[in-house]
Amino acid sequence: VHVNEKAANVNSSAFDHIQMKLFRSQRNLYLSGFSLFLWLVL
């Protein structure tokens, strides 16, 4: 998702919302990946 600068200035809460969703999805990716790795090691 790319938000151009004009849209970001006009609707900053939408940009923040997308960044928040991206952060949560990255966090979930790291957690699930590490859990999968630990499961394989165990």
PDB file of all heavy atoms in Angstrom:
ATOM      1  N   VAL A   1       0.849  -1.183   0.000  1.00  0.00           N
ATOM      2  CA  VAL A   1       0.000   0.000   0.000  1.00  0.00           C
ATOM      3  C   VAL A   1       0.890   1.241   0.000  1.00  0.00           C
ATOM      4  O   VAL A   1       1.706   1.428   0.898  1.00  0.00           O
ATOM      5  CB  VAL A   1      -0.931  -0.002   1.244  1.00  0.00           C
ATOM      6  CG1 VAL A   1      -1.694   1.305   1.335  1.00  0.00           C
ATOM      7  CG2 VAL A   1      -1.865  -1.174   1.190  1.00  0.00           C
ATOM      8  N   HIS A   2       0.766   2.052  -1.037  1.00  0.00           N
ATOM      9  CA  HIS A   2       1.548   3.279  -1.131  1.00  0.00           C
ATOM     10  C   HIS A   2       0.599   4.473  -1.002  1.00  0.00           C
ATOM     11  O   HIS A   2      -0.397   4.570  -1.698  1.00  0.00           O
ATOM     12  CB  HIS A   2       2.278   3.367  -2.474  1.00  0.00           C
ATOM     13  CG  HIS A   2       3.310   2.297  -2.632  1.00  0.00           C
ATOM     14  ND1 HIS A   2       4.466   2.274  -1.931  1.00  0.00           N
ATOM     15  CD2 HIS A   2       3.324   1.201  -3.427  1.00  0.00           C
ATOM     16  CE1 HIS A   2       5.174   1.224  -2.273  1.00  0.00           C
ATOM     17  NE2 HIS A   2       4.499   0.545  -3.175  1.00  0.00           N
ATOM     18  N   VAL A   3       0.940   5.291  -0.095  1.00  0.00           N
ATOM     19  CA  VAL A   3       0.139   6.496   0.096  1.00  0.00           C
ATOM     20  C   VAL A   3       0.985   7.665  -0.388  1.00  0.00           C
ATOM     21  O   VAL A   3       2.093   7.881   0.102  1.00  0.00           O
ATOM     22  CB  VAL A   3      -0.243   6.662   1.585  1.00  0.00           C
ATOM     23  CG1 VAL A   3      -1.062   7.921   1.793  1.00  0.00           C
ATOM     24  CG2 VAL A   3      -0.970   5.437   2.073  1.00  0.00           C
ATOM     25  N   ASN A   4       0.470   8.360  -1.347  1.00  0.00           N
ATOM     26  CA  ASN A   4       1.251   9.487  -1.851  1.00  0.00           C
ATOM     27  C   ASN A   4       1.256  10.620  -0.812  1.00  0.00           C
ATOM     28  O   ASN A   4       0.461  10.645   0.114  1.00  0.00           O
ATOM     29  CB  ASN A   4       0.734   9.951  -3.218  1.00  0.00           C
ATOM     30  CG  ASN A   4      -0.742  10.320  -3.164  1.00  0.00           C
ATOM     31  OD1 ASN A   4      -1.287  10.489  -2.086  1.00  0.00           O
ATOM     32  ND2 ASN A   4      -1.369  10.433  -4.319  1.00  0.00           N
ATOM     33  N   GLU A   5       2.156  11.554  -1.000  1.00  0.00           N
ATOM     34  CA  GLU A   5       2.373  12.585   0.018  1.00  0.00           C
ATOM     35  C   GLU A   5       1.168  13.495   0.184  1.00  0.00           C
ATOM     36  O   GLU A   5       0.844  13.928   1.285  1.00  0.00           O
ATOM     37  CB  GLU A   5       3.606  13.405  -0.352  1.00  0.00           C
ATOM     38  CG  GLU A   5       4.891  12.617  -0.231  1.00  0.00           C
ATOM     39  CD  GLU A   5       6.095  13.469  -0.580  1.00  0.00           C
ATOM     40  OE1 GLU A   5       6.012  14.710  -0.470  1.00  0.00           O
ATOM     41  OE2 GLU A   5       7.118  12.891  -0.946  1.00  0.00           O
ATOM     42  N   LYS A   6       0.470  13.781  -0.883  1.00  0.00           N
ATOM     43  CA  LYS A   6      -0.700  14.659  -0.771  1.00  0.00           C
ATOM     44  C   LYS A   6      -1.797  13.988   0.032  1.00  0.00           C
ATOM     45  O   LYS A   6      -2.418  14.604   0.891  1.00  0.00           O
ATOM     46  CB  LYS A   6      -1.230  15.018  -2.163  1.00  0.00           C
ATOM     47  CG  LYS A   6      -0.324  15.912  -2.951  1.00  0.00           C
ATOM     48  CD  LYS A   6      -0.910  16.216  -4.294  1.00  0.00           C
ATOM     49  CE  LYS A   6       0.033  17.097  -5.117  1.00  0.00           C
ATOM     50  NZ  LYS A   6      -0.491  17.362  -6.447  1.00  0.00           N
ATOM     51  N   ALA A   7      -2.009  12.730  -0.243  1.00  0.00           N
ATOM     52  CA  ALA A   7      -3.041  11.998   0.498  1.00  0.00           C
ATOM     53  C   ALA A   7      -2.616  11.827   1.959  1.00  0.00           C
ATOM     54  O   ALA A   7      -3.451  11.844   2.855  1.00  0.00           O
ATOM     55  CB  ALA A   7      -3.295  10.639  -0.138  1.00  0.00           C
ATOM     56  N   ALA A   8      -1.320  11.664   2.195  1.00  0.00           N
ATOM     57  CA  ALA A   8      -0.835  11.502   3.556  1.00  0.00           C
ATOM     58  C   ALA A   8      -1.026  12.771   4.360  1.00  0.00           C
ATOM     59  O   ALA A   8      -1.345  12.721   5.547  1.00  0.00           O
ATOM     60  CB  ALA A   8       0.634  11.099   3.549  1.00  0.00           C
ATOM     61  N   ASN A   9      -0.821  13.931   3.729  1.00  0.00           N
ATOM     62  CA  ASN A   9      -1.020  15.194   4.430  1.00  0.00           C
ATOM     63  C   ASN A   9      -2.491  15.433   4.721  1.00  0.00           C
ATOM     64  O   ASN A   9      -2.852  15.972   5.758  1.00  0.00           O
ATOM     65  CB  ASN A   9      -0.451  16.352   3.606  1.00  0.00           C
ATOM     66  CG  ASN A   9       1.064  16.308   3.585  1.00  0.00           C
ATOM     67  OD1 ASN A   9       1.663  15.732   4.475  1.00  0.00           O
ATOM     68  ND2 ASN A   9       1.661  16.904   2.571  1.00  0.00           N
ATOM     69  N   VAL A  10      -3.333  15.036   3.786  1.00  0.00           N
ATOM     70  CA  VAL A  10      -4.762  15.276   3.952  1.00  0.00           C
ATOM     71  C   VAL A  10      -5.347  14.296   4.961  1.00  0.00           C
ATOM     72  O   VAL A  10      -6.118  14.671   5.843  1.00  0.00           O
ATOM     73  CB  VAL A  10      -5.488  15.154   2.583  1.00  0.00           C
ATOM     74  CG1 VAL A  10      -6.994  15.235   2.764  1.00  0.00           C
ATOM     75  CG2 VAL A  10      -4.999  16.226   1.634  1.00  0.00           C
ATOM     76  N   ASN A  11      -4.985  13.052   4.841  1.00  0.00           N
ATOM     77  CA  ASN A  11      -5.599  12.025   5.686  1.00  0.00           C
ATOM     78  C   ASN A  11      -4.503  11.295   6.475  1.00  0.00           C
ATOM     79  O   ASN A  11      -4.179  10.148   6.198  1.00  0.00           O
ATOM     80  CB  ASN A  11      -6.390  11.051   4.804  1.00  0.00           C
ATOM     81  CG  ASN A  11      -7.386  10.251   5.620  1.00  0.00           C
ATOM     82  OD1 ASN A  11      -7.444  10.386   6.834  1.00  0.00           O
ATOM     83  ND2 ASN A  11      -8.159   9.416   4.940  1.00  0.00           N
ATOM     84  N   SER A  12      -3.934  11.959   7.450  1.00  0.00           N
ATOM     85  CA  SER A  12      -2.825  11.379   8.209  1.00  0.00           C
ATOM     86  C   SER A  12      -3.270  10.219   9.093  1.00  0.00           C
ATOM     87  O   SER A  12      -2.492   9.313   9.392  1.00  0.00           O
ATOM     88  CB  SER A  12      -2.135  12.442   9.055  1.00  0.00           C
ATOM     89  OG  SER A  12      -3.043  12.935  10.017  1.00  0.00           O
ATOM     90  N   SER A  13      -4.495  10.216   9.530  1.00  0.00           N
ATOM     91  CA  SER A  13      -4.952   9.101  10.378  1.00  0.00           C
ATOM     92  C   SER A  13      -5.032   7.813   9.565  1.00  0.00           C
ATOM     93  O   SER A  13      -4.765   6.728  10.092  1.00  0.00           O
ATOM     94  CB  SER A  13      -6.308   9.428  11.008  1.00  0.00           C
ATOM     95  OG  SER A  13      -7.312   9.521  10.006  1.00  0.00           O
ATOM     96  N   ALA A  14      -5.365   7.877   8.288  1.00  0.00           N
ATOM     97  CA  ALA A  14      -5.393   6.686   7.433  1.00  0.00           C
ATOM     98  C   ALA A  14      -3.974   6.149   7.260  1.00  0.00           C
ATOM     99  O   ALA A  14      -3.738   4.931   7.309  1.00  0.00           O
ATOM    100  CB  ALA A  14      -6.016   7.002   6.078  1.00  0.00           C
ATOM    101  N   PHE A  15      -3.001   7.046   7.057  1.00  0.00           N
ATOM    102  CA  PHE A  15      -1.607   6.628   6.932  1.00  0.00           C
ATOM    103  C   PHE A  15      -1.128   5.957   8.225  1.00  0.00           C
ATOM    104  O   PHE A  15      -0.467   4.919   8.199  1.00  0.00           O
ATOM    105  CB  PHE A  15      -0.747   7.840   6.587  1.00  0.00           C
ATOM    106  CG  PHE A  15       0.696   7.518   6.420  1.00  0.00           C
ATOM    107  CD1 PHE A  15       1.142   6.841   5.289  1.00  0.00           C
ATOM    108  CD2 PHE A  15       1.616   7.867   7.395  1.00  0.00           C
ATOM    109  CE1 PHE A  15       2.469   6.536   5.136  1.00  0.00           C
ATOM    110  CE2 PHE A  15       2.946   7.557   7.243  1.00  0.00           C
ATOM    111  CZ  PHE A  15       3.384   6.887   6.104  1.00  0.00           C
ATOM    112  N   ASP A  16      -1.473   6.576   9.370  1.00  0.00           N
ATOM    113  CA  ASP A  16      -1.099   5.989  10.656  1.00  0.00           C
ATOM    114  C   ASP A  16      -1.754   4.629  10.855  1.00  0.00           C
ATOM    115  O   ASP A  16      -1.144   3.698  11.395  1.00  0.00           O
ATOM    116  CB  ASP A  16      -1.499   6.922  11.809  1.00  0.00           C
ATOM    117  CG  ASP A  16      -0.647   8.182  11.859  1.00  0.00           C
ATOM    118  OD1 ASP A  16       0.454   8.153  11.256  1.00  0.00           O
ATOM    119  OD2 ASP A  16      -1.082   9.169  12.483  1.00  0.00           O
ATOM    120  N   HIS A  17      -2.991   4.497  10.422  1.00  0.00           N
ATOM    121  CA  HIS A  17      -3.714   3.236  10.549  1.00  0.00           C
ATOM    122  C   HIS A  17      -3.038   2.139   9.718  1.00  0.00           C
ATOM    123  O   HIS A  17      -2.869   1.006  10.180  1.00  0.00           O
ATOM    124  CB  HIS A  17      -5.172   3.429  10.105  1.00  0.00           C
ATOM    125  CG  HIS A  17      -6.012   2.205  10.313  1.00  0.00           C
ATOM    126  ND1 HIS A  17      -6.376   1.773  11.556  1.00  0.00           N
ATOM    127  CD2 HIS A  17      -6.548   1.336   9.424  1.00  0.00           C
ATOM    128  CE1 HIS A  17      -7.099   0.676  11.438  1.00  0.00           C
ATOM    129  NE2 HIS A  17      -7.230   0.388  10.138  1.00  0.00           N
ATOM    130  N   ILE A  18      -2.608   2.481   8.514  1.00  0.00           N
ATOM    131  CA  ILE A  18      -1.927   1.505   7.654  1.00  0.00           C
ATOM    132  C   ILE A  18      -0.588   1.117   8.269  1.00  0.00           C
ATOM    133  O   ILE A  18      -0.213  -0.060   8.286  1.00  0.00           O
ATOM    134  CB  ILE A  18      -1.750   2.079   6.235  1.00  0.00           C
ATOM    135  CG1 ILE A  18      -3.115   2.159   5.541  1.00  0.00           C
ATOM    136  CG2 ILE A  18      -0.786   1.222   5.419  1.00  0.00           C
ATOM    137  CD1 ILE A  18      -3.079   2.890   4.226  1.00  0.00           C
ATOM    138  N   GLN A  19       0.136   2.095   8.800  1.00  0.00           N
ATOM    139  CA  GLN A  19       1.417   1.803   9.445  1.00  0.00           C
ATOM    140  C   GLN A  19       1.226   0.904  10.668  1.00  0.00           C
ATOM    141  O   GLN A  19       2.028   0.011  10.930  1.00  0.00           O
ATOM    142  CB  GLN A  19       2.134   3.104   9.839  1.00  0.00           C
ATOM    143  CG  GLN A  19       2.650   3.899   8.672  1.00  0.00           C
ATOM    144  CD  GLN A  19       3.703   3.132   7.901  1.00  0.00           C
ATOM    145  OE1 GLN A  19       4.539   2.452   8.484  1.00  0.00           O
ATOM    146  NE2 GLN A  19       3.635   3.217   6.578  1.00  0.00           N
ATOM    147  N   MET A  20       0.154   1.134  11.414  1.00  0.00           N
ATOM    148  CA  MET A  20      -0.147   0.307  12.582  1.00  0.00           C
ATOM    149  C   MET A  20      -0.439  -1.134  12.149  1.00  0.00           C
ATOM    150  O   MET A  20       0.057  -2.092  12.743  1.00  0.00           O
ATOM    151  CB  MET A  20      -1.346   0.884  13.336  1.00  0.00           C
ATOM    152  CG  MET A  20      -1.735   0.068  14.563  1.00  0.00           C
ATOM    153  SD  MET A  20      -3.210   0.685  15.366  1.00  0.00           S
ATOM    154  CE  MET A  20      -4.443   0.371  14.118  1.00  0.00           C
ATOM    155  N   LYS A  21      -1.220  -1.307  11.096  1.00  0.00           N
ATOM    156  CA  LYS A  21      -1.541  -2.642  10.586  1.00  0.00           C
ATOM    157  C   LYS A  21      -0.279  -3.342  10.092  1.00  0.00           C
ATOM    158  O   LYS A  21      -0.087  -4.535  10.309  1.00  0.00           O
ATOM    159  CB  LYS A  21      -2.558  -2.547   9.444  1.00  0.00           C
ATOM    160  CG  LYS A  21      -3.924  -2.102   9.857  1.00  0.00           C
ATOM    161  CD  LYS A  21      -4.722  -3.289  10.274  1.00  0.00           C
ATOM    162  CE  LYS A  21      -6.166  -2.841  10.455  1.00  0.00           C
ATOM    163  NZ  LYS A  21      -7.027  -3.936  10.763  1.00  0.00           N
ATOM    164  N   LEU A  22       0.600  -2.585   9.403  1.00  0.00           N
ATOM    165  CA  LEU A  22       1.859  -3.141   8.925  1.00  0.00           C
ATOM    166  C   LEU A  22       2.716  -3.604  10.101  1.00  0.00           C
ATOM    167  O   LEU A  22       3.291  -4.700  10.075  1.00  0.00           O
ATOM    168  CB  LEU A  22       2.607  -2.118   8.078  1.00  0.00           C
ATOM    169  CG  LEU A  22       3.977  -2.557   7.541  1.00  0.00           C
ATOM    170  CD1 LEU A  22       3.817  -3.743   6.610  1.00  0.00           C
ATOM    171  CD2 LEU A  22       4.662  -1.398   6.836  1.00  0.00           C
ATOM    172  N   PHE A  23       2.805  -2.800  11.141  1.00  0.00           N
ATOM    173  CA  PHE A  23       3.580  -3.166  12.323  1.00  0.00           C
ATOM    174  C   PHE A  23       3.035  -4.447  12.954  1.00  0.00           C
ATOM    175  O   PHE A  23       3.787  -5.363  13.302  1.00  0.00           O
ATOM    176  CB  PHE A  23       3.572  -2.027  13.343  1.00  0.00           C
ATOM    177  CG  PHE A  23       4.184  -2.393  14.651  1.00  0.00           C
ATOM    178  CD1 PHE A  23       5.561  -2.473  14.793  1.00  0.00           C
ATOM    179  CD2 PHE A  23       3.384  -2.690  15.756  1.00  0.00           C
ATOM    180  CE1 PHE A  23       6.131  -2.820  16.001  1.00  0.00           C
ATOM    181  CE2 PHE A  23       3.954  -3.047  16.951  1.00  0.00           C
ATOM    182  CZ  PHE A  23       5.318  -3.115  17.081  1.00  0.00           C
ATOM    183  N   ARG A  24       1.733  -4.537  13.105  1.00  0.00           N
ATOM    184  CA  ARG A  24       1.126  -5.731  13.708  1.00  0.00           C
ATOM    185  C   ARG A  24       1.364  -6.974  12.849  1.00  0.00           C
ATOM    186  O   ARG A  24       1.643  -8.051  13.365  1.00  0.00           O
ATOM    187  CB  ARG A  24      -0.365  -5.516  13.919  1.00  0.00           C
ATOM    188  CG  ARG A  24      -0.673  -4.595  15.057  1.00  0.00           C
ATOM    189  CD  ARG A  24      -2.157  -4.474  15.263  1.00  0.00           C
ATOM    190  NE  ARG A  24      -2.441  -3.561  16.355  1.00  0.00           N
ATOM    191  CZ  ARG A  24      -3.633  -3.073  16.621  1.00  0.00           C
ATOM    192  NH1 ARG A  24      -4.660  -3.404  15.854  1.00  0.00           N
ATOM    193  NH2 ARG A  24      -3.809  -2.255  17.629  1.00  0.00           N
ATOM    194  N   SER A  25       1.249  -6.835  11.563  1.00  0.00           N
ATOM    195  CA  SER A  25       1.460  -8.000  10.692  1.00  0.00           C
ATOM    196  C   SER A  25       2.925  -8.436  10.718  1.00  0.00           C
ATOM    197  O   SER A  25       3.216  -9.632  10.710  1.00  0.00           O
ATOM    198  CB  SER A  25       1.002  -7.695   9.273  1.00  0.00           C
ATOM    199  OG  SER A  25       1.732  -6.625   8.723  1.00  0.00           O
ATOM    200  N   GLN A  26       3.861  -7.478  10.788  1.00  0.00           N
ATOM    201  CA  GLN A  26       5.277  -7.839  10.898  1.00  0.00           C
ATOM    202  C   GLN A  26       5.559  -8.527  12.227  1.00  0.00           C
ATOM    203  O   GLN A  26       6.297  -9.517  12.283  1.00  0.00           O
ATOM    204  CB  GLN A  26       6.155  -6.592  10.756  1.00  0.00           C
ATOM    205  CG  GLN A  26       6.235  -6.066   9.356  1.00  0.00           C
ATOM    206  CD  GLN A  26       6.984  -4.755   9.279  1.00  0.00           C
ATOM    207  OE1 GLN A  26       7.182  -4.088  10.296  1.00  0.00           O
ATOM    208  NE2 GLN A  26       7.384  -4.364   8.075  1.00  0.00           N
ATOM    209  N   ARG A  27       4.970  -8.014  13.289  1.00  0.00           N
ATOM    210  CA  ARG A  27       5.133  -8.638  14.598  1.00  0.00           C
ATOM    211  C   ARG A  27       4.616 -10.071  14.572  1.00  0.00           C
ATOM    212  O   ARG A  27       5.274 -10.996  15.051  1.00  0.00           O
ATOM    213  CB  ARG A  27       4.382  -7.826  15.658  1.00  0.00           C
ATOM    214  CG  ARG A  27       4.481  -8.426  17.050  1.00  0.00           C
ATOM    215  CD  ARG A  27       3.407  -7.956  17.972  1.00  0.00           C
ATOM    216  NE  ARG A  27       2.099  -8.345  17.431  1.00  0.00           N
ATOM    217  CZ  ARG A  27       0.956  -7.861  17.868  1.00  0.00           C
ATOM    218  NH1 ARG A  27       0.920  -6.955  18.796  1.00  0.00           N
ATOM    219  NH2 ARG A  27      -0.180  -8.264  17.347  1.00  0.00           N
ATOM    220  N   ASN A  28       3.442 -10.286  13.998  1.00  0.00           N
ATOM    221  CA  ASN A  28       2.872 -11.630  13.909  1.00  0.00           C
ATOM    222  C   ASN A  28       3.741 -12.553  13.060  1.00  0.00           C
ATOM    223  O   ASN A  28       3.880 -13.732  13.356  1.00  0.00           O
ATOM    224  CB  ASN A  28       1.449 -11.575  13.345  1.00  0.00           C
ATOM    225  CG  ASN A  28       0.481 -10.932  14.309  1.00  0.00           C
ATOM    226  OD1 ASN A  28       0.763 -10.807  15.504  1.00  0.00           O
ATOM    227  ND2 ASN A  28      -0.662 -10.498  13.809  1.00  0.00           N
ATOM    228  N   LEU A  29       4.334 -11.992  12.006  1.00  0.00           N
ATOM    229  CA  LEU A  29       5.225 -12.776  11.160  1.00  0.00           C
ATOM    230  C   LEU A  29       6.427 -13.253  11.963  1.00  0.00           C
ATOM    231  O   LEU A  29       6.790 -14.430  11.917  1.00  0.00           O
ATOM    232  CB  LEU A  29       5.675 -11.951   9.957  1.00  0.00           C
ATOM    233  CG  LEU A  29       6.711 -12.616   9.044  1.00  0.00           C
ATOM    234  CD1 LEU A  29       6.064 -13.757   8.284  1.00  0.00           C
ATOM    235  CD2 LEU A  29       7.303 -11.603   8.092  1.00  0.00           C
ATOM    236  N   TYR A  30       7.062 -12.370  12.699  1.00  0.00           N
ATOM    237  CA  TYR A  30       8.228 -12.755  13.496  1.00  0.00           C
ATOM    238  C   TYR A  30       7.859 -13.767  14.576  1.00  0.00           C
ATOM    239  O   TYR A  30       8.569 -14.755  14.799  1.00  0.00           O
ATOM    240  CB  TYR A  30       8.894 -11.530  14.136  1.00  0.00           C
ATOM    241  CG  TYR A  30       9.575 -10.637  13.142  1.00  0.00           C
ATOM    242  CD1 TYR A  30       9.326  -9.276  13.124  1.00  0.00           C
ATOM    243  CD2 TYR A  30      10.469 -11.146  12.208  1.00  0.00           C
ATOM    244  CE1 TYR A  30       9.949  -8.447  12.202  1.00  0.00           C
ATOM    245  CE2 TYR A  30      11.094 -10.332  11.293  1.00  0.00           C
ATOM    246  CZ  TYR A  30      10.832  -8.981  11.293  1.00  0.00           C
ATOM    247  OH  TYR A  30      11.452  -8.172  10.397  1.00  0.00           O
ATOM    248  N   LEU A  31       6.768 -13.547  15.256  1.00  0.00           N
ATOM    249  CA  LEU A  31       6.360 -14.471  16.320  1.00  0.00           C
ATOM    250  C   LEU A  31       6.036 -15.859  15.780  1.00  0.00           C
ATOM    251  O   LEU A  31       6.480 -16.874  16.322  1.00  0.00           O
ATOM    252  CB  LEU A  31       5.158 -13.914  17.090  1.00  0.00           C
ATOM    253  CG  LEU A  31       5.441 -12.749  18.022  1.00  0.00           C
ATOM    254  CD1 LEU A  31       4.134 -12.221  18.605  1.00  0.00           C
ATOM    255  CD2 LEU A  31       6.387 -13.154  19.117  1.00  0.00           C
ATOM    256  N   SER A  32       5.262 -15.908  14.703  1.00  0.00           N
ATOM    257  CA  SER A  32       4.891 -17.218  14.153  1.00  0.00           C
ATOM    258  C   SER A  32       6.104 -17.909  13.531  1.00  0.00           C
ATOM    259  O   SER A  32       6.256 -19.128  13.644  1.00  0.00           O
ATOM    260  CB  SER A  32       3.767 -17.080  13.138  1.00  0.00           C
ATOM    261  OG  SER A  32       4.164 -16.258  12.059  1.00  0.00           O
ATOM    262  N   GLY A  33       6.991 -17.166  12.909  1.00  0.00           N
ATOM    263  CA  GLY A  33       8.207 -17.753  12.345  1.00  0.00           C
ATOM    264  C   GLY A  33       9.108 -18.325  13.421  1.00  0.00           C
ATOM    265  O   GLY A  33       9.635 -19.437  13.284  1.00  0.00           O
ATOM    266  N   PHE A  34       9.298 -17.597  14.478  1.00  0.00           N
ATOM    267  CA  PHE A  34      10.130 -18.093  15.566  1.00  0.00           C
ATOM    268  C   PHE A  34       9.484 -19.299  16.244  1.00  0.00           C
ATOM    269  O   PHE A  34      10.166 -20.262  16.598  1.00  0.00           O
ATOM    270  CB  PHE A  34      10.385 -16.977  16.589  1.00  0.00           C
ATOM    271  CG  PHE A  34      11.329 -17.376  17.670  1.00  0.00           C
ATOM    272  CD1 PHE A  34      12.681 -17.558  17.388  1.00  0.00           C
ATOM    273  CD2 PHE A  34      10.891 -17.577  18.961  1.00  0.00           C
ATOM    274  CE1 PHE A  34      13.571 -17.927  18.383  1.00  0.00           C
ATOM    275  CE2 PHE A  34      11.770 -17.957  19.953  1.00  0.00           C
ATOM    276  CZ  PHE A  34      13.104 -18.133  19.661  1.00  0.00           C
ATOM    277  N   SER A  35       8.175 -19.285  16.410  1.00  0.00           N
ATOM    278  CA  SER A  35       7.476 -20.440  16.999  1.00  0.00           C
ATOM    279  C   SER A  35       7.614 -21.661  16.113  1.00  0.00           C
ATOM    280  O   SER A  35       7.833 -22.778  16.607  1.00  0.00           O
ATOM    281  CB  SER A  35       5.990 -20.124  17.193  1.00  0.00           C
ATOM    282  OG  SER A  35       5.825 -19.067  18.086  1.00  0.00           O
ATOM    283  N   LEU A  36       7.515 -21.486  14.813  1.00  0.00           N
ATOM    284  CA  LEU A  36       7.686 -22.594  13.872  1.00  0.00           C
ATOM    285  C   LEU A  36       9.103 -23.150  13.953  1.00  0.00           C
ATOM    286  O   LEU A  36       9.304 -24.369  13.988  1.00  0.00           O
ATOM    287  CB  LEU A  36       7.381 -22.110  12.457  1.00  0.00           C
ATOM    288  CG  LEU A  36       7.417 -23.142  11.345  1.00  0.00           C
ATOM    289  CD1 LEU A  36       6.348 -24.201  11.580  1.00  0.00           C
ATOM    290  CD2 LEU A  36       7.192 -22.466  10.002  1.00  0.00           C
ATOM    291  N   PHE A  37      10.090 -22.263  14.015  1.00  0.00           N
ATOM    292  CA  PHE A  37      11.479 -22.707  14.140  1.00  0.00           C
ATOM    293  C   PHE A  37      11.694 -23.481  15.440  1.00  0.00           C
ATOM    294  O   PHE A  37      12.327 -24.543  15.448  1.00  0.00           O
ATOM    295  CB  PHE A  37      12.421 -21.496  14.083  1.00  0.00           C
ATOM    296  CG  PHE A  37      13.831 -21.830  14.388  1.00  0.00           C
ATOM    297  CD1 PHE A  37      14.615 -22.489  13.451  1.00  0.00           C
ATOM    298  CD2 PHE A  37      14.390 -21.511  15.607  1.00  0.00           C
ATOM    299  CE1 PHE A  37      15.923 -22.815  13.725  1.00  0.00           C
ATOM    300  CE2 PHE A  37      15.703 -21.834  15.889  1.00  0.00           C
ATOM    301  CZ  PHE A  37      16.463 -22.490  14.950  1.00  0.00           C
ATOM    302  N   LEU A  38      11.184 -22.984  16.546  1.00  0.00           N
ATOM    303  CA  LEU A  38      11.337 -23.688  17.821  1.00  0.00           C
ATOM    304  C   LEU A  38      10.655 -25.049  17.793  1.00  0.00           C
ATOM    305  O   LEU A  38      11.161 -26.024  18.363  1.00  0.00           O
ATOM    306  CB  LEU A  38      10.778 -22.848  18.971  1.00  0.00           C
ATOM    307  CG  LEU A  38      11.683 -21.745  19.476  1.00  0.00           C
ATOM    308  CD1 LEU A  38      11.016 -21.001  20.620  1.00  0.00           C
ATOM    309  CD2 LEU A  38      13.013 -22.290  19.921  1.00  0.00           C
ATOM    310  N   TRP A  39       9.504 -25.119  17.139  1.00  0.00           N
ATOM    311  CA  TRP A  39       8.807 -26.397  17.034  1.00  0.00           C
ATOM    312  C   TRP A  39       9.676 -27.408  16.289  1.00  0.00           C
ATOM    313  O   TRP A  39       9.790 -28.558  16.707  1.00  0.00           O
ATOM    314  CB  TRP A  39       7.470 -26.214  16.317  1.00  0.00           C
ATOM    315  CG  TRP A  39       6.734 -27.495  16.132  1.00  0.00           C
ATOM    316  CD1 TRP A  39       6.038 -28.192  17.061  1.00  0.00           C
ATOM    317  CD2 TRP A  39       6.644 -28.253  14.922  1.00  0.00           C
ATOM    318  NE1 TRP A  39       5.516 -29.328  16.506  1.00  0.00           N
ATOM    319  CE2 TRP A  39       5.871 -29.393  15.195  1.00  0.00           C
ATOM    320  CE3 TRP A  39       7.138 -28.070  13.643  1.00  0.00           C
ATOM    321  CZ2 TRP A  39       5.587 -30.344  14.234  1.00  0.00           C
ATOM    322  CZ3 TRP A  39       6.849 -29.026  12.689  1.00  0.00           C
ATOM    323  CH2 TRP A  39       6.079 -30.140  12.986  1.00  0.00           C
ATOM    324  N   LEU A  40      10.324 -26.986  15.200  1.00  0.00           N
ATOM    325  CA  LEU A  40      11.197 -27.882  14.442  1.00  0.00           C
ATOM    326  C   LEU A  40      12.400 -28.327  15.279  1.00  0.00           C
ATOM    327  O   LEU A  40      12.788 -29.501  15.268  1.00  0.00           O
ATOM    328  CB  LEU A  40      11.665 -27.215  13.154  1.00  0.00           C
ATOM    329  CG  LEU A  40      10.582 -26.969  12.100  1.00  0.00           C
ATOM    330  CD1 LEU A  40      11.131 -26.119  10.967  1.00  0.00           C
ATOM    331  CD2 LEU A  40      10.052 -28.280  11.581  1.00  0.00           C
ATOM    332  N   VAL A  41      12.994 -27.403  16.012  1.00  0.00           N
ATOM    333  CA  VAL A  41      14.149 -27.740  16.851  1.00  0.00           C
ATOM    334  C   VAL A  41      13.734 -28.717  17.948  1.00  0.00           C
ATOM    335  O   VAL A  41      14.427 -29.714  18.213  1.00  0.00           O
ATOM    336  CB  VAL A  41      14.773 -26.463  17.457  1.00  0.00           C
ATOM    337  CG1 VAL A  41      15.768 -26.790  18.551  1.00  0.00           C
ATOM    338  CG2 VAL A  41      15.447 -25.648  16.367  1.00  0.00           C
ATOM    339  N   LEU A  42      12.607 -28.482  18.590  1.00  0.00           N
ATOM    340  CA  LEU A  42      12.153 -29.379  19.650  1.00  0.00           C
ATOM    341  C   LEU A  42      11.817 -30.762  19.107  1.00  0.00           C
ATOM    342  O   LEU A  42      12.117 -31.780  19.743  1.00  0.00           O
ATOM    343  CB  LEU A  42      10.933 -28.790  20.369  1.00  0.00           C
ATOM    344  CG  LEU A  42      11.229 -27.610  21.288  1.00  0.00           C
ATOM    345  CD1 LEU A  42       9.933 -27.025  21.821  1.00  0.00           C
ATOM    346  CD2 LEU A  42      12.129 -28.029  22.425  1.00  0.00           C
TER     347      LEU A  42
END
